[in-house]
Amino acid sequence: MLAESAKYDVSCASSGSARRGKPGELGSSRASGICHSFTEDGRCVSLLKIMLTNHCIYDCAYCINRRSNDLPRATFTVQELVTLTIEFYRRNYIEGLFLSSGVIRDPDYTMERMVRVVKELRTVHRYHGYIHMKSIPGASRELVNEAGLYADRLSVNIEIPTEQNLKLLAPEKDHISVYQPMKFIQQGVLESVEERRRSRHAPRFAPAGQSTQMIVGATDETDKDILSLSSALYTRPSMKRVYYSGFIPVNQYDHRLPALKQAPLVRENRLYQADWLMRFYGFRSDEIVDDSFPHLDLEIDPKLAWALRHPEAFPVDLNRADYELILRVPGIGVKSAKIIVSSRRFSRITSSTLKKLGVVMKKAQYFITCGELTSTSINEVHPEFVRRELTRKKPRRGFDESQAVLVFPE
């Protein structure tokens, strides 16, 4: 029941921290990340993703665990949850713990019980596996600081990007209660870094940093609003990931919510792609979406959409261009761009070289020049022609084209 209640929180992924196991102690955590156990929709999650309780004092319109919903409720004791985690780990069911909770009594009461769980795992059972813990909005700084000493990553969910819409769907919440613990976590991380410079044995505070989650599609925010907020959050040194969760209509009776039959998964995917561009490709949020284009194009990825809007930046000469400009070519990723820059010191880059590197030539051919490449560049044809060519669906082989039914991905 409590695992089912926790499935709507997507803000957990790789560990981002390294902790070696020691003789006589239990578990270890690798910086390469943690995979997940199999959920109903086929995803793999080997974290025990669970709630301390699904009781909640709040009545948020978008939440399955809202106070006014008539559903079975349950609460773990601290010892029950500790025992469950240790026994599951020993049976090799899980590699780590993702601990969330509804709010019972008040934020500090709930947070104190969650901290007791992670503290007992670390100090009593000597558990060294990965722990991701949700920090309760409105919790005191003392409890957040204590949680950071035992959890690998802390997260506080923003949920709704703008204060106005948060007040509409969750009148008992505000952004101050969210940003305050975010600030406490950031200060704890920075203070820990300074202490470890003076002493390598100083305890680490939330070594995997913090993350947050926003619900997409429950309110009328544009993609520009969402990505602008994400960009601002990434300027904080401790913020590692912003997660985007397509709104799932679990409370269809509430007329404040949009009437959706399913989550906006395509929009969610485009937001993750745009987020990737900001984090690893050097794009600013206002380059991806702006006042003229406040929403991401659902038909093509954000990088290709930017390239089609800026044909003046192309074609890019791969044998001469800077790394940052090569990264902006559709079909070329970070790894391929680095290899191109290092390889061209020894020989010219050709189309055969690019194919060996895994460059998606179907996209890249319109935006580059190199060696013997003879394809037409975007400046010789209209961007709309390139768009049509890259989005044209080909019928499956073996079918009569006149009878074929093309299935478009959601």
Protein backbone atom coordinates (compact mmCIF):
# COMPACT_ATOMS: atom_id res chain seq x y z
CA MET A 1 0.00 0.00 0.00
CA LEU A 2 2.77 2.47 0.91
CA ALA A 3 4.90 1.45 -2.06
CA GLU A 4 1.89 2.07 -4.34
CA SER A 5 1.43 5.53 -2.80
CA ALA A 6 5.08 6.42 -3.49
CA LYS A 7 5.08 5.58 -7.21
CA TYR A 8 3.99 9.06 -8.31
CA ASP A 9 7.21 10.64 -7.08
CA VAL A 10 9.76 10.35 -9.90
CA SER A 11 12.57 12.39 -8.35
CA CYS A 12 14.94 9.51 -7.73
CA ALA A 13 17.52 8.08 -10.11
CA SER A 14 21.27 7.56 -9.96
CA SER A 15 23.08 7.83 -6.65
CA GLY A 16 25.78 10.33 -7.55
CA SER A 17 27.81 9.38 -4.49
CA ALA A 18 30.47 6.78 -3.75
CA ARG A 19 30.78 4.92 -0.47
CA ARG A 20 32.82 1.76 -0.21
CA GLY A 21 31.64 -1.13 1.87
CA LYS A 22 33.79 -2.08 4.86
CA PRO A 23 34.27 -5.40 6.65
CA GLY A 24 31.55 -5.91 9.25
CA GLU A 25 29.30 -3.30 7.66
CA LEU A 26 26.40 -3.63 5.23
CA GLY A 27 26.23 -2.42 1.63
CA SER A 28 28.01 0.13 -0.51
CA SER A 29 27.10 2.91 -2.92
CA ARG A 30 28.68 3.55 -6.32
CA ALA A 31 28.90 6.89 -8.06
CA SER A 32 27.96 5.27 -11.38
CA GLY A 33 24.39 5.11 -10.16
CA ILE A 34 21.71 2.78 -8.99
CA CYS A 35 19.18 1.03 -11.17
CA HIS A 36 15.49 0.62 -10.35
CA SER A 37 12.94 -2.31 -9.64
CA PHE A 38 10.32 -3.36 -12.18
CA THR A 39 7.15 -1.32 -11.92
CA GLU A 40 3.79 -1.93 -13.61
CA ASP A 41 4.78 0.14 -16.65
CA GLY A 42 7.96 -1.88 -17.20
CA ARG A 43 10.54 0.40 -15.61
CA CYS A 44 13.33 -1.11 -13.54
CA VAL A 45 13.72 0.15 -9.95
CA SER A 46 16.04 -1.50 -7.44
CA LEU A 47 15.40 1.14 -4.83
CA LEU A 48 12.88 0.35 -2.13
CA LYS A 49 10.63 3.29 -3.01
CA ILE A 50 8.23 3.65 -0.14
CA MET A 51 6.41 6.10 2.11
CA LEU A 52 6.57 6.28 5.86
CA THR A 53 2.82 7.00 5.80
CA ASN A 54 0.12 7.91 3.31
CA HIS A 55 -1.81 9.89 5.91
CA CYS A 56 -1.58 13.60 5.13
CA ILE A 57 -2.86 16.80 6.69
CA TYR A 58 -2.89 18.57 3.31
CA ASP A 59 -5.63 18.44 0.67
CA CYS A 60 -3.67 19.04 -2.56
CA ALA A 61 -5.90 18.63 -5.62
CA TYR A 62 -3.31 16.65 -7.64
CA CYS A 63 -2.29 14.15 -4.93
CA ILE A 64 -3.74 10.66 -4.50
CA ASN A 65 -3.01 10.84 -0.75
CA ARG A 66 -4.93 14.08 -0.19
CA ARG A 67 -6.80 14.35 3.09
CA SER A 68 -10.28 14.25 1.53
CA ASN A 69 -9.75 11.02 -0.43
CA ASP A 70 -11.40 7.92 1.01
CA LEU A 71 -8.66 5.30 0.63
CA PRO A 72 -6.92 2.77 2.91
CA ARG A 73 -4.29 4.43 5.11
CA ALA A 74 -1.25 2.93 6.78
CA THR A 75 1.81 4.06 8.73
CA PHE A 76 5.10 2.31 9.44
CA THR A 77 6.81 2.55 12.78
CA VAL A 78 10.46 3.55 12.56
CA GLN A 79 11.60 0.05 13.52
CA GLU A 80 9.33 -1.64 10.96
CA LEU A 81 10.73 0.41 8.11
CA VAL A 82 14.34 -0.11 9.24
CA THR A 83 13.82 -3.88 9.49
CA LEU A 84 12.09 -4.00 6.10
CA THR A 85 14.97 -2.17 4.41
CA ILE A 86 17.68 -4.36 5.96
CA GLU A 87 15.85 -7.63 5.22
CA PHE A 88 15.14 -6.65 1.62
CA TYR A 89 18.78 -5.68 1.14
CA ARG A 90 20.05 -8.97 2.57
CA ARG A 91 17.76 -10.86 0.19
CA ASN A 92 19.21 -8.85 -2.71
CA TYR A 93 15.80 -7.38 -3.55
CA ILE A 94 17.06 -3.79 -3.41
CA GLU A 95 20.23 -1.72 -3.60
CA GLY A 96 19.00 1.34 -1.78
CA LEU A 97 16.14 3.22 -0.15
CA PHE A 98 14.00 6.08 -1.42
CA LEU A 99 12.02 7.36 1.55
CA SER A 100 9.08 9.73 1.20
CA SER A 101 6.05 10.46 3.35
CA GLY A 102 2.74 12.21 3.71
CA VAL A 103 2.65 14.87 6.42
CA ILE A 104 1.18 13.75 9.74
CA ARG A 105 0.54 16.22 12.60
CA ASP A 106 3.07 18.77 11.27
CA PRO A 107 6.22 18.86 9.08
CA ASP A 108 8.68 18.57 11.99
CA TYR A 109 6.94 15.54 13.50
CA THR A 110 7.05 13.72 10.15
CA MET A 111 10.61 14.78 9.38
CA GLU A 112 11.83 13.67 12.81
CA ARG A 113 10.49 10.12 12.23
CA MET A 114 12.09 9.94 8.78
CA VAL A 115 15.43 11.11 10.16
CA ARG A 116 15.24 8.41 12.84
CA VAL A 117 14.86 5.78 10.09
CA VAL A 118 17.97 6.82 8.14
CA LYS A 119 19.97 7.47 11.29
CA GLU A 120 19.29 3.99 12.67
CA LEU A 121 20.17 2.41 9.32
CA ARG A 122 23.54 4.19 9.29
CA THR A 123 24.54 4.09 12.97
CA VAL A 124 22.96 0.89 14.31
CA HIS A 125 22.99 -1.42 11.27
CA ARG A 126 26.04 0.17 9.62
CA TYR A 127 24.18 0.30 6.31
CA HIS A 128 26.32 1.91 3.60
CA GLY A 129 23.93 1.58 0.66
CA TYR A 130 22.28 4.44 -1.15
CA ILE A 131 19.60 6.48 0.67
CA HIS A 132 17.49 9.17 -0.97
CA MET A 133 15.25 11.00 1.47
CA LYS A 134 12.50 13.53 0.84
CA SER A 135 12.77 16.62 2.99
CA ILE A 136 9.36 17.77 4.20
CA PRO A 137 8.51 21.38 3.19
CA GLY A 138 8.35 23.52 6.32
CA ALA A 139 10.69 21.29 8.37
CA SER A 140 13.16 22.99 10.71
CA ARG A 141 16.78 23.61 9.80
CA GLU A 142 18.02 21.34 12.62
CA LEU A 143 16.17 18.33 11.20
CA VAL A 144 17.28 19.06 7.63
CA ASN A 145 20.89 19.34 8.82
CA GLU A 146 20.63 16.02 10.65
CA ALA A 147 19.07 14.32 7.63
CA GLY A 148 21.95 15.47 5.43
CA LEU A 149 24.46 13.65 7.63
CA TYR A 150 22.86 10.26 6.90
CA ALA A 151 21.18 10.52 3.46
CA ASP A 152 23.09 10.50 0.17
CA ARG A 153 20.60 12.80 -1.51
CA LEU A 154 17.85 15.06 -0.20
CA SER A 155 14.99 16.37 -2.30
CA VAL A 156 12.21 18.90 -1.85
CA ASN A 157 9.47 18.92 -4.49
CA ILE A 158 8.36 22.26 -5.92
CA GLU A 159 5.36 20.43 -7.48
CA ILE A 160 3.71 23.45 -9.15
CA PRO A 161 6.11 25.93 -10.83
CA THR A 162 4.29 29.17 -9.96
CA GLU A 163 3.06 30.37 -6.56
CA GLN A 164 -0.29 31.47 -7.97
CA ASN A 165 -1.16 28.02 -9.34
CA LEU A 166 0.21 26.26 -6.27
CA LYS A 167 -2.21 28.30 -4.16
CA LEU A 168 -5.02 27.31 -6.53
CA LEU A 169 -4.43 23.55 -6.22
CA ALA A 170 -2.81 23.39 -2.77
CA PRO A 171 -4.08 26.34 -0.70
CA GLU A 172 -2.29 25.13 2.44
CA LYS A 173 1.16 25.24 0.79
CA ASP A 174 3.45 28.00 -0.45
CA HIS A 175 6.80 28.21 -2.18
CA ILE A 176 8.51 29.70 0.88
CA SER A 177 8.17 26.38 2.72
CA VAL A 178 9.78 24.64 -0.29
CA TYR A 179 12.65 27.02 -0.98
CA GLN A 180 13.58 27.32 2.71
CA PRO A 181 14.69 23.67 3.15
CA MET A 182 16.35 23.89 -0.29
CA LYS A 183 18.42 26.74 1.11
CA PHE A 184 19.24 24.72 4.26
CA ILE A 185 20.47 21.82 2.11
CA GLN A 186 22.60 24.11 -0.04
CA GLN A 187 24.17 25.72 3.01
CA GLY A 188 24.86 22.30 4.53
CA VAL A 189 26.58 21.10 1.35
CA LEU A 190 28.76 24.22 1.10
CA GLU A 191 29.70 24.10 4.80
CA SER A 192 30.59 20.41 4.44
CA VAL A 193 32.90 21.20 1.52
CA GLU A 194 34.73 23.83 3.59
CA GLU A 195 35.05 21.50 6.58
CA ARG A 196 36.47 18.70 4.43
CA ARG A 197 39.09 21.08 3.07
CA ARG A 198 40.32 21.52 6.64
CA SER A 199 39.89 17.88 7.64
CA ARG A 200 39.39 14.94 5.29
CA HIS A 201 37.64 13.04 8.08
CA ALA A 202 34.86 15.61 8.45
CA PRO A 203 31.40 14.09 7.76
CA ARG A 204 29.95 14.62 4.31
CA PHE A 205 26.58 16.34 4.00
CA ALA A 206 24.22 14.94 1.32
CA PRO A 207 27.14 13.95 -0.95
CA ALA A 208 24.81 13.40 -3.94
CA GLY A 209 23.32 16.90 -3.55
CA GLN A 210 19.62 17.64 -3.89
CA SER A 211 16.89 17.29 -6.50
CA THR A 212 13.32 18.47 -7.03
CA GLN A 213 10.25 17.66 -9.10
CA MET A 214 7.65 19.67 -10.99
CA ILE A 215 4.25 18.44 -12.17
CA VAL A 216 3.70 19.15 -15.87
CA GLY A 217 0.24 19.73 -17.30
CA ALA A 218 -1.81 20.21 -14.13
CA THR A 219 -1.75 23.99 -14.54
CA ASP A 220 -1.31 26.50 -17.37
CA GLU A 221 2.42 27.22 -17.07
CA THR A 222 4.24 27.33 -20.40
CA ASP A 223 7.41 25.38 -21.09
CA LYS A 224 9.18 28.74 -20.91
CA ASP A 225 7.99 29.18 -17.31
CA ILE A 226 9.11 25.68 -16.36
CA LEU A 227 12.54 25.81 -18.01
CA SER A 228 13.24 29.33 -16.71
CA LEU A 229 12.65 28.05 -13.18
CA SER A 230 14.82 24.98 -13.83
CA SER A 231 17.62 27.18 -15.17
CA ALA A 232 17.49 29.33 -12.03
CA LEU A 233 17.58 26.21 -9.82
CA TYR A 234 20.65 24.86 -11.62
CA THR A 235 22.59 27.97 -10.62
CA ARG A 236 22.51 26.61 -7.06
CA PRO A 237 25.68 24.58 -6.48
CA SER A 238 23.91 21.69 -4.73
CA MET A 239 21.06 21.21 -7.24
CA LYS A 240 21.77 18.09 -9.31
CA ARG A 241 18.51 17.25 -11.06
CA VAL A 242 15.13 18.74 -11.80
CA TYR A 243 12.54 16.06 -12.61
CA TYR A 244 9.41 16.59 -14.69
CA SER A 245 6.35 14.48 -13.98
CA GLY A 246 3.51 14.44 -16.48
CA PHE A 247 0.28 15.13 -14.60
CA ILE A 248 -1.63 11.93 -13.85
CA PRO A 249 -5.38 12.58 -13.31
CA VAL A 250 -5.90 10.58 -10.12
CA ASN A 251 -8.61 12.89 -8.72
CA GLN A 252 -10.85 13.41 -11.71
CA TYR A 253 -13.70 14.72 -9.59
CA ASP A 254 -11.78 17.92 -8.76
CA HIS A 255 -12.86 20.58 -11.28
CA ARG A 256 -9.73 22.67 -10.69
CA LEU A 257 -7.75 20.04 -12.59
CA PRO A 258 -7.61 19.65 -16.40
CA ALA A 259 -9.66 16.84 -17.94
CA LEU A 260 -6.84 14.62 -19.26
CA LYS A 261 -7.21 10.98 -20.24
CA GLN A 262 -3.52 10.28 -19.76
CA ALA A 263 -0.30 11.97 -18.69
CA PRO A 264 1.31 14.37 -21.24
CA LEU A 265 4.25 12.03 -21.84
CA VAL A 266 5.52 13.66 -25.05
CA ARG A 267 5.74 17.05 -23.35
CA GLU A 268 7.46 15.46 -20.36
CA ASN A 269 10.01 13.87 -22.72
CA ARG A 270 10.69 17.17 -24.52
CA LEU A 271 11.26 18.90 -21.18
CA TYR A 272 13.85 16.29 -20.22
CA GLN A 273 15.56 16.78 -23.60
CA ALA A 274 15.59 20.56 -23.08
CA ASP A 275 16.90 20.05 -19.54
CA TRP A 276 19.72 17.95 -20.98
CA LEU A 277 20.60 20.74 -23.41
CA MET A 278 20.91 23.21 -20.54
CA ARG A 279 23.00 20.89 -18.38
CA PHE A 280 25.40 19.42 -20.94
CA TYR A 281 25.17 21.31 -24.25
CA GLY A 282 25.60 24.91 -23.13
CA PHE A 283 22.12 26.11 -24.10
CA ARG A 284 20.38 28.83 -22.12
CA SER A 285 16.70 28.41 -21.37
CA ASP A 286 15.83 31.53 -23.39
CA GLU A 287 17.48 29.98 -26.44
CA ILE A 288 15.28 26.90 -26.25
CA VAL A 289 12.00 28.69 -25.46
CA ASP A 290 11.22 32.40 -25.44
CA ASP A 291 8.27 34.78 -25.78
CA SER A 292 7.95 33.96 -29.49
CA PHE A 293 8.09 30.20 -28.88
CA PRO A 294 6.89 29.66 -25.28
CA HIS A 295 6.16 25.95 -25.83
CA LEU A 296 8.46 23.16 -26.96
CA ASP A 297 7.74 21.60 -30.34
CA LEU A 298 6.18 18.19 -29.64
CA GLU A 299 6.98 16.87 -33.13
CA ILE A 300 10.75 17.37 -33.07
CA ASP A 301 13.38 17.51 -30.33
CA PRO A 302 14.42 20.92 -28.88
CA LYS A 303 17.90 20.88 -30.40
CA LEU A 304 16.58 20.33 -33.92
CA ALA A 305 13.87 22.95 -33.33
CA TRP A 306 16.54 25.51 -32.35
CA ALA A 307 18.65 24.67 -35.42
CA LEU A 308 15.69 25.10 -37.76
CA ARG A 309 14.93 28.51 -36.21
CA HIS A 310 18.58 29.60 -36.63
CA PRO A 311 19.75 28.52 -40.10
CA GLU A 312 22.24 31.41 -40.05
CA ALA A 313 24.40 29.43 -37.59
CA PHE A 314 24.95 26.65 -40.12
CA PRO A 315 26.57 24.83 -41.83
CA VAL A 316 29.27 24.08 -39.27
CA ASP A 317 32.71 23.08 -40.56
CA LEU A 318 33.59 20.13 -38.33
CA ASN A 319 37.29 20.43 -39.21
CA ARG A 320 37.51 23.99 -37.88
CA ALA A 321 34.57 24.85 -35.61
CA ASP A 322 34.83 25.18 -31.85
CA TYR A 323 33.60 22.38 -29.60
CA GLU A 324 30.72 24.53 -28.33
CA LEU A 325 29.42 25.12 -31.88
CA ILE A 326 29.78 21.44 -32.85
CA LEU A 327 27.62 20.56 -29.84
CA ARG A 328 24.76 22.56 -31.36
CA VAL A 329 24.60 20.40 -34.48
CA PRO A 330 21.55 18.10 -34.43
CA GLY A 331 22.63 14.46 -34.42
CA ILE A 332 25.96 15.09 -32.64
CA GLY A 333 26.20 14.31 -28.91
CA VAL A 334 28.72 15.27 -26.24
CA LYS A 335 30.87 12.18 -26.66
CA SER A 336 30.95 12.44 -30.46
CA ALA A 337 31.80 16.16 -30.32
CA LYS A 338 34.76 15.51 -28.04
CA ILE A 339 36.09 12.76 -30.31
CA ILE A 340 35.69 14.98 -33.39
CA VAL A 341 37.74 17.78 -31.79
CA SER A 342 40.51 15.41 -30.67
CA SER A 343 40.58 13.35 -33.91
CA ARG A 344 40.84 16.26 -36.36
CA ARG A 345 44.32 17.08 -35.05
CA PHE A 346 45.56 13.94 -36.80
CA SER A 347 43.32 13.63 -39.88
CA ARG A 348 40.41 15.33 -41.61
CA ILE A 349 36.91 14.49 -40.49
CA THR A 350 34.87 12.82 -43.23
CA SER A 351 31.34 11.43 -43.44
CA SER A 352 32.67 7.88 -43.00
CA THR A 353 34.44 9.04 -39.81
CA LEU A 354 31.19 10.48 -38.49
CA LYS A 355 29.27 7.26 -39.14
CA LYS A 356 31.88 5.31 -37.18
CA LEU A 357 31.48 7.75 -34.29
CA GLY A 358 27.72 7.14 -34.17
CA VAL A 359 26.69 10.57 -35.45
CA VAL A 360 23.08 10.57 -36.66
CA MET A 361 23.80 11.55 -40.26
CA LYS A 362 20.11 11.69 -41.16
CA LYS A 363 19.93 14.87 -39.04
CA ALA A 364 23.49 16.17 -39.12
CA GLN A 365 23.93 16.15 -42.92
CA TYR A 366 21.87 19.34 -43.30
CA PHE A 367 23.90 21.30 -40.74
CA ILE A 368 27.57 20.42 -41.38
CA THR A 369 30.35 20.52 -43.92
CA CYS A 370 33.28 18.14 -43.83
CA GLY A 371 35.57 16.30 -46.25
CA GLU A 372 33.66 14.81 -49.17
CA LEU A 373 30.17 15.41 -47.77
CA THR A 374 27.95 16.41 -50.70
CA SER A 375 24.50 16.64 -49.10
CA THR A 376 22.48 19.86 -49.32
CA SER A 377 22.88 22.22 -46.36
CA ILE A 378 20.01 23.99 -44.62
CA ASN A 379 21.00 27.28 -46.27
CA GLU A 380 20.39 25.79 -49.73
CA VAL A 381 16.90 24.56 -48.88
CA HIS A 382 14.11 25.97 -46.72
CA PRO A 383 14.05 24.85 -43.05
CA GLU A 384 10.50 23.56 -43.64
CA PHE A 385 11.87 21.13 -46.23
CA VAL A 386 14.37 19.79 -43.68
CA ARG A 387 11.60 19.47 -41.12
CA ARG A 388 9.39 17.51 -43.52
CA GLU A 389 12.23 15.19 -44.45
CA LEU A 390 13.17 14.46 -40.84
CA THR A 391 9.60 13.91 -39.64
CA ARG A 392 8.31 11.96 -42.63
CA LYS A 393 7.11 8.53 -41.59
CA LYS A 394 8.07 5.61 -43.82
CA PRO A 395 5.61 2.69 -44.19
CA ARG A 396 6.75 -0.69 -42.92
CA ARG A 397 8.19 -3.12 -45.45
CA GLY A 398 5.92 -5.92 -46.58
CA PHE A 399 2.75 -3.82 -46.33
CA ASP A 400 0.69 -2.28 -49.09
CA GLU A 401 1.38 1.42 -48.69
CA SER A 402 -2.21 2.30 -49.52
CA GLN A 403 -3.42 0.04 -46.70
CA ALA A 404 -0.70 0.80 -44.17
CA VAL A 405 -1.67 2.42 -40.88
CA LEU A 406 1.14 4.41 -39.32
CA VAL A 407 1.34 4.28 -35.52
CA PHE A 408 2.64 7.49 -34.03
CA PRO A 409 4.33 7.33 -30.61
CA GLU A 410 2.56 8.99 -27.75
